[in-house]
Amino acid sequence: MASIIKIKGKKGTAYRAQIRRTGHKQTKTFDTKQAAQDWASDFERDIRDRRVDPKSLAERKTVRLAVEKYLSKIDHKSSKDTIARCSFYADRLGSVPLSQLNAIMIDEATDTLPCSGPTQNRYLGALSGCLSFIGKSPYGWIDSNPCKLVPRRKEHRPRQRVLSRDEWQCLIDYVETEAKKHDSERWKQLPLYLRLAYATGRRRSELLNLEWRAVDLNEGILHLLDTKTGDDQEAWVDKDMVKRLKAHQHDGHYVFRGRFDDKPTDFDDLIRESLRENFPPDFRGEVPVLHSIRHTVATELGDGGATETEIMAVTGHKSSASINRYVKKTVEAARAAQAKR
């Protein structure tokens, strides 16, 4: 039985006819209710007379077609990884009709990913978003999302490691000493990169992709373009950092230039080496990573009495939930809260 839904929008009232059959959902929108009813009546008659097989319509829609439709419609600025993650499934399962796609296929394809469980979950989330999108009107290519039946991989325990002031000083002293020993351009840039990360609390990608044309040294403002959260943001630095940036200025495109001018450098292996050299695992068995610096900045701000809004303004987080994840609640704050009971 067809259903007719009345829709009110900016362009006026419209009517959406919807027909559901096993393995397929067909929808179409009309200007008048009568036109919607007539279309639904004709379509159902064609199904009864076997002129149209609704399941065959779904079989003509493949995973690759679904991914292409999804990627053409959504805004990827908020998540650059969405394209790569959905494209992975388009490569592995692209020729599979949506009517035949099931949780086992998706689970087995995900197992082939050369990454950890949490990252595999991000891939599943991207595909699930795609399938949910093409399952809704006006597409209605599938009735249910098989990703919901795929078991999620085990997530790692959230990182809690922060650096104390003494540990931070130990780290910066180490990399500055090592930088003097090496002729490598990466080693020479690493101390400034770590200082900038500690001064701003910003993400790795935002600092590595920082361009000189987006740096205002007169005002002490870094214009961070196309960030992970989907918008352009600004980070402020003090006079000491401005002085260090001025001393670092060069003719390259990126602040932290790589081997070629059109690409920034990468410090991952140098940072891992530096952190392993200086910090043994703590009582949780956790060793600091680069992201621990961002965590440290948010924690220090919180311990210093900054509000969530103030912390978000510094670090660029978009939600209170993210801040709650990163800001460590101090023992003093817990005692103060208990004292109010």
Protein backbone atom coordinates (compact mmCIF):
# COMPACT_ATOMS: atom_id res chain seq x y z
CA MET A 1 0.00 0.00 0.00
CA ALA A 2 1.42 3.36 -1.01
CA SER A 3 1.69 6.24 1.43
CA ILE A 4 1.37 9.92 0.50
CA ILE A 5 3.28 12.40 2.64
CA LYS A 6 2.56 16.13 2.59
CA ILE A 7 5.72 18.24 2.58
CA LYS A 8 5.93 21.97 3.24
CA GLY A 9 9.04 23.77 2.06
CA LYS A 10 10.31 27.15 0.86
CA LYS A 11 8.90 26.52 -2.61
CA GLY A 12 5.44 25.62 -1.30
CA THR A 13 3.60 22.38 -0.63
CA ALA A 14 4.56 19.10 -2.29
CA TYR A 15 3.43 15.49 -1.99
CA ARG A 16 5.75 12.52 -1.74
CA ALA A 17 4.46 9.12 -2.78
CA GLN A 18 6.23 6.14 -1.24
CA ILE A 19 5.90 2.46 -2.12
CA ARG A 20 7.63 -0.26 -0.12
CA ARG A 21 8.27 -3.77 -1.35
CA THR A 22 10.70 -6.44 -0.17
CA GLY A 23 14.23 -5.29 -0.88
CA HIS A 24 13.22 -1.95 -2.31
CA LYS A 25 11.62 1.38 -1.48
CA GLN A 26 10.46 3.64 -4.30
CA THR A 27 9.62 7.32 -3.74
CA LYS A 28 8.73 10.25 -5.97
CA THR A 29 7.62 13.80 -5.23
CA PHE A 30 4.79 15.68 -6.99
CA ASP A 31 3.25 19.15 -6.89
CA THR A 32 -0.27 17.84 -6.27
CA LYS A 33 -1.69 15.06 -4.16
CA GLN A 34 -3.69 13.71 -7.10
CA ALA A 35 -0.54 13.33 -9.21
CA ALA A 36 1.16 11.45 -6.37
CA GLN A 37 -1.82 9.13 -5.97
CA ASP A 38 -2.01 8.46 -9.70
CA TRP A 39 1.70 7.60 -9.90
CA ALA A 40 1.48 5.29 -6.88
CA SER A 41 -1.60 3.58 -8.30
CA ASP A 42 0.05 3.03 -11.70
CA PHE A 43 3.27 1.77 -10.12
CA GLU A 44 1.48 -0.73 -7.88
CA ARG A 45 -0.56 -1.94 -10.86
CA ASP A 46 2.68 -2.51 -12.81
CA ILE A 47 4.03 -4.54 -9.91
CA ARG A 48 0.86 -6.66 -9.74
CA ASP A 49 0.99 -7.23 -13.52
CA ARG A 50 4.72 -8.10 -13.21
CA ARG A 51 5.71 -5.27 -15.50
CA VAL A 52 8.03 -3.97 -12.79
CA ASP A 53 10.07 -6.02 -10.33
CA PRO A 54 10.91 -3.72 -7.37
CA LYS A 55 13.75 -6.00 -6.30
CA SER A 56 15.38 -5.71 -9.72
CA LEU A 57 15.38 -1.93 -9.29
CA ALA A 58 17.42 -2.31 -6.10
CA GLU A 59 19.74 -4.79 -7.77
CA ARG A 60 20.68 -2.19 -10.37
CA LYS A 61 22.02 0.03 -7.56
CA THR A 62 25.50 -1.07 -6.51
CA VAL A 63 27.74 -0.16 -3.61
CA ARG A 64 29.93 1.91 -5.92
CA LEU A 65 26.91 3.85 -7.18
CA ALA A 66 25.78 4.47 -3.60
CA VAL A 67 29.21 5.76 -2.59
CA GLU A 68 29.40 8.03 -5.62
CA LYS A 69 25.96 9.47 -4.91
CA TYR A 70 26.80 9.99 -1.24
CA LEU A 71 30.14 11.67 -1.90
CA SER A 72 28.58 13.97 -4.48
CA LYS A 73 25.95 15.21 -2.05
CA ILE A 74 27.64 15.70 1.32
CA ASP A 75 30.06 18.35 2.50
CA HIS A 76 33.42 16.69 3.15
CA LYS A 77 35.12 19.69 4.64
CA SER A 78 34.22 18.50 8.12
CA SER A 79 35.86 15.11 7.54
CA LYS A 80 38.45 14.65 4.82
CA ASP A 81 38.79 10.97 5.67
CA THR A 82 35.21 10.25 4.58
CA ILE A 83 36.18 10.10 0.91
CA ALA A 84 39.04 7.66 1.48
CA ARG A 85 37.02 5.44 3.81
CA CYS A 86 33.95 5.19 1.59
CA SER A 87 36.15 4.72 -1.47
CA PHE A 88 37.78 1.71 0.20
CA TYR A 89 34.42 -0.08 0.26
CA ALA A 90 33.66 1.07 -3.30
CA ASP A 91 36.89 -0.64 -4.40
CA ARG A 92 36.26 -3.83 -2.42
CA LEU A 93 32.49 -4.19 -2.79
CA GLY A 94 31.73 -1.79 -5.63
CA SER A 95 30.04 -4.30 -7.96
CA VAL A 96 27.83 -5.82 -5.23
CA PRO A 97 24.14 -4.91 -5.66
CA LEU A 98 22.71 -3.15 -2.63
CA SER A 99 19.98 -5.76 -2.42
CA GLN A 100 22.68 -8.41 -1.81
CA LEU A 101 24.96 -6.42 0.48
CA ASN A 102 25.04 -7.90 3.98
CA ALA A 103 26.89 -7.56 7.27
CA ILE A 104 29.21 -10.53 6.57
CA MET A 105 30.51 -8.95 3.36
CA ILE A 106 31.16 -5.66 5.11
CA ASP A 107 32.80 -7.36 8.11
CA GLU A 108 35.15 -9.42 5.92
CA ALA A 109 36.10 -6.39 3.82
CA THR A 110 36.82 -4.39 6.97
CA ASP A 111 39.08 -7.17 8.28
CA THR A 112 41.41 -6.62 5.33
CA LEU A 113 42.21 -3.09 6.46
CA PRO A 114 45.85 -2.82 7.63
CA CYS A 115 44.96 -0.72 10.66
CA SER A 116 43.90 -1.03 14.28
CA GLY A 117 40.41 -1.75 15.58
CA PRO A 118 39.49 1.85 16.37
CA THR A 119 40.44 2.97 12.86
CA GLN A 120 38.43 0.10 11.37
CA ASN A 121 35.46 1.40 13.35
CA ARG A 122 35.91 4.79 11.66
CA TYR A 123 35.74 3.07 8.26
CA LEU A 124 32.56 1.28 9.28
CA GLY A 125 31.10 4.57 10.48
CA ALA A 126 31.78 6.21 7.12
CA LEU A 127 30.09 3.40 5.19
CA SER A 128 27.18 3.39 7.64
CA GLY A 129 26.67 7.10 7.01
CA CYS A 130 26.66 6.44 3.27
CA LEU A 131 24.10 3.64 3.48
CA SER A 132 21.87 5.60 5.85
CA PHE A 133 21.94 8.51 3.42
CA ILE A 134 20.92 6.52 0.35
CA GLY A 135 18.27 4.67 2.38
CA LYS A 136 16.38 7.89 3.08
CA SER A 137 14.10 9.86 0.80
CA PRO A 138 14.29 10.83 -1.97
CA TYR A 139 16.55 7.87 -2.80
CA GLY A 140 15.26 4.97 -0.75
CA TRP A 141 17.62 2.49 -2.36
CA ILE A 142 17.67 0.18 0.68
CA ASP A 143 15.25 -0.59 3.50
CA SER A 144 17.81 -1.24 6.23
CA ASN A 145 21.46 -0.49 6.95
CA PRO A 146 23.54 -3.73 7.16
CA CYS A 147 26.39 -1.84 8.87
CA LYS A 148 24.31 -1.84 12.04
CA LEU A 149 24.73 -5.61 12.24
CA VAL A 150 28.52 -5.55 11.89
CA PRO A 151 30.27 -6.06 15.27
CA ARG A 152 32.40 -3.08 16.24
CA ARG A 153 36.08 -3.57 16.92
CA LYS A 154 37.50 -3.14 20.38
CA GLU A 155 38.39 0.47 21.14
CA HIS A 156 41.58 1.43 22.92
CA ARG A 157 41.40 2.91 26.37
CA PRO A 158 41.33 6.73 26.06
CA ARG A 159 44.77 8.27 26.48
CA GLN A 160 45.18 10.06 29.78
CA ARG A 161 48.90 10.78 29.74
CA VAL A 162 49.89 14.42 30.17
CA LEU A 163 53.31 15.99 30.56
CA SER A 164 54.29 17.79 33.73
CA ARG A 165 56.19 21.07 33.41
CA ASP A 166 59.43 19.28 34.25
CA GLU A 167 58.74 16.60 31.64
CA TRP A 168 57.97 19.22 29.01
CA GLN A 169 61.23 21.02 29.77
CA CYS A 170 63.09 17.71 29.59
CA LEU A 171 61.60 17.00 26.16
CA ILE A 172 62.33 20.42 24.69
CA ASP A 173 65.90 20.37 26.05
CA TYR A 174 66.44 16.96 24.47
CA VAL A 175 65.19 17.90 20.98
CA GLU A 176 67.15 21.16 20.99
CA THR A 177 70.32 19.28 21.90
CA GLU A 178 69.66 16.66 19.20
CA ALA A 179 68.91 19.36 16.64
CA LYS A 180 72.42 20.73 17.10
CA LYS A 181 73.91 17.30 16.43
CA HIS A 182 72.08 16.71 13.15
CA ASP A 183 72.31 18.43 9.80
CA SER A 184 68.78 17.27 8.97
CA GLU A 185 66.32 20.07 8.19
CA ARG A 186 63.62 18.13 10.02
CA TRP A 187 65.62 17.99 13.24
CA LYS A 188 66.35 21.71 13.03
CA GLN A 189 62.62 22.50 12.67
CA LEU A 190 61.41 20.07 15.34
CA PRO A 191 62.02 22.27 18.45
CA LEU A 192 59.97 25.12 16.97
CA TYR A 193 57.22 22.73 15.94
CA LEU A 194 56.94 21.28 19.46
CA ARG A 195 57.02 24.75 21.03
CA LEU A 196 54.23 25.87 18.71
CA ALA A 197 52.20 22.76 19.54
CA TYR A 198 52.62 23.47 23.25
CA ALA A 199 51.84 27.17 22.84
CA THR A 200 48.62 26.64 20.86
CA GLY A 201 47.37 23.15 21.75
CA ARG A 202 46.50 22.67 18.09
CA ARG A 203 46.24 19.48 16.06
CA ARG A 204 49.20 18.00 14.22
CA SER A 205 47.63 18.47 10.76
CA GLU A 206 46.74 22.11 11.44
CA LEU A 207 50.32 23.03 12.31
CA LEU A 208 52.00 20.95 9.61
CA ASN A 209 49.76 22.50 6.93
CA LEU A 210 50.29 26.04 8.20
CA GLU A 211 51.36 28.35 5.37
CA TRP A 212 53.35 31.55 5.71
CA ARG A 213 50.65 33.51 3.89
CA ALA A 214 48.26 32.56 6.72
CA VAL A 215 50.61 33.79 9.47
CA ASP A 216 50.17 37.36 10.71
CA LEU A 217 53.32 38.04 12.72
CA ASN A 218 52.31 41.64 13.43
CA GLU A 219 49.17 40.56 15.26
CA GLY A 220 50.45 37.19 16.45
CA ILE A 221 47.65 35.30 14.69
CA LEU A 222 47.83 31.97 12.87
CA HIS A 223 45.00 31.48 10.37
CA LEU A 224 44.29 27.75 10.33
CA LEU A 225 42.49 26.88 7.10
CA ASP A 226 40.23 23.93 6.40
CA THR A 227 40.55 22.38 9.86
CA LYS A 228 39.26 18.99 10.97
CA THR A 229 36.09 20.58 12.37
CA GLY A 230 35.20 21.96 8.95
CA ASP A 231 35.81 25.65 9.44
CA ASP A 232 38.66 28.13 9.34
CA GLN A 233 40.00 29.02 12.80
CA GLU A 234 42.54 31.32 14.38
CA ALA A 235 45.20 30.65 16.98
CA TRP A 236 46.98 33.35 18.95
CA VAL A 237 50.65 33.23 19.95
CA ASP A 238 52.63 35.39 22.37
CA LYS A 239 55.56 37.69 21.64
CA ASP A 240 58.14 35.01 22.39
CA MET A 241 56.61 32.67 19.80
CA VAL A 242 56.32 35.51 17.28
CA LYS A 243 60.04 36.17 17.77
CA ARG A 244 60.85 32.50 17.17
CA LEU A 245 58.69 32.39 14.05
CA LYS A 246 60.37 35.49 12.65
CA ALA A 247 63.78 33.90 13.18
CA HIS A 248 62.51 30.80 11.36
CA GLN A 249 61.14 32.65 8.31
CA HIS A 250 62.19 31.35 4.89
CA ASP A 251 61.03 31.52 1.28
CA GLY A 252 59.18 28.20 1.34
CA HIS A 253 55.42 27.79 1.06
CA TYR A 254 54.85 26.01 4.38
CA VAL A 255 56.11 27.13 7.78
CA PHE A 256 57.52 23.65 8.35
CA ARG A 257 58.88 22.97 4.91
CA GLY A 258 59.51 19.52 3.57
CA ARG A 259 61.89 18.19 1.00
CA PHE A 260 59.80 19.77 -1.76
CA ASP A 261 58.21 23.20 -1.52
CA ASP A 262 54.69 22.01 -2.33
CA LYS A 263 54.54 19.66 0.68
CA PRO A 264 55.15 20.18 4.40
CA THR A 265 57.49 18.01 6.38
CA ASP A 266 56.60 15.25 8.83
CA PHE A 267 58.08 14.76 12.31
CA ASP A 268 56.31 11.57 13.40
CA ASP A 269 59.33 9.27 13.62
CA LEU A 270 61.51 11.95 15.27
CA ILE A 271 58.86 12.68 17.88
CA ARG A 272 58.32 9.00 18.68
CA GLU A 273 62.05 8.58 19.13
CA SER A 274 62.27 11.64 21.37
CA LEU A 275 59.38 10.57 23.56
CA ARG A 276 60.61 6.98 23.92
CA GLU A 277 64.06 8.25 24.80
CA ASN A 278 62.81 10.42 27.63
CA PHE A 279 59.68 8.84 29.09
CA PRO A 280 59.19 5.27 30.30
CA PRO A 281 55.61 3.92 30.55
CA ASP A 282 53.63 5.28 33.50
CA PHE A 283 51.67 3.17 35.99
CA ARG A 284 49.00 2.61 33.30
CA GLY A 285 51.65 1.41 30.87
CA GLU A 286 51.13 4.53 28.76
CA VAL A 287 53.93 6.37 26.98
CA PRO A 288 53.35 9.97 25.81
CA VAL A 289 52.62 10.56 22.13
CA LEU A 290 52.45 13.78 20.14
CA HIS A 291 48.75 14.14 20.94
CA SER A 292 49.70 14.15 24.63
CA ILE A 293 50.92 17.73 24.13
CA ARG A 294 47.44 18.82 23.02
CA HIS A 295 45.98 16.90 25.96
CA THR A 296 48.48 18.61 28.27
CA VAL A 297 47.52 22.09 27.07
CA ALA A 298 43.80 21.47 27.63
CA THR A 299 44.52 19.98 31.06
CA GLU A 300 46.69 22.91 32.14
CA LEU A 301 44.02 25.35 31.02
CA GLY A 302 41.37 23.46 32.97
CA ASP A 303 43.53 23.19 36.07
CA GLY A 304 44.19 26.92 35.82
CA GLY A 305 40.48 27.68 36.05
CA ALA A 306 39.65 28.29 32.37
CA THR A 307 36.04 27.61 31.39
CA GLU A 308 35.08 25.10 28.71
CA THR A 309 34.40 27.95 26.29
CA GLU A 310 37.84 29.43 26.93
CA ILE A 311 39.55 26.08 26.45
CA MET A 312 37.65 25.49 23.20
CA ALA A 313 38.74 28.92 21.96
CA VAL A 314 42.38 27.95 22.47
CA THR A 315 42.39 24.35 21.27
CA GLY A 316 39.75 24.61 18.56
CA HIS A 317 37.49 21.88 19.93
CA LYS A 318 33.87 22.20 18.78
CA SER A 319 31.96 20.54 21.62
CA SER A 320 31.90 20.31 25.38
CA ALA A 321 31.98 16.52 25.08
CA SER A 322 35.40 16.74 23.46
CA ILE A 323 36.67 19.02 26.20
CA ASN A 324 35.37 16.68 28.90
CA ARG A 325 37.33 13.92 27.25
CA TYR A 326 40.60 15.84 27.32
CA VAL A 327 40.44 17.96 30.46
CA LYS A 328 41.64 16.15 33.52
CA LYS A 329 39.58 16.69 36.65
CA THR A 330 41.98 17.46 39.49
CA VAL A 331 41.82 15.95 42.95
CA GLU A 332 41.38 19.47 44.37
CA ALA A 333 38.31 20.04 42.16
CA ALA A 334 36.81 16.73 43.27
CA ARG A 335 37.35 17.58 46.95
CA ALA A 336 35.81 21.03 46.45
CA ALA A 337 32.76 19.44 44.83
CA GLN A 338 32.40 16.93 47.68
CA ALA A 339 32.68 19.73 50.20
CA LYS A 340 29.54 21.35 48.74
CA ARG A 341 27.39 18.30 49.46
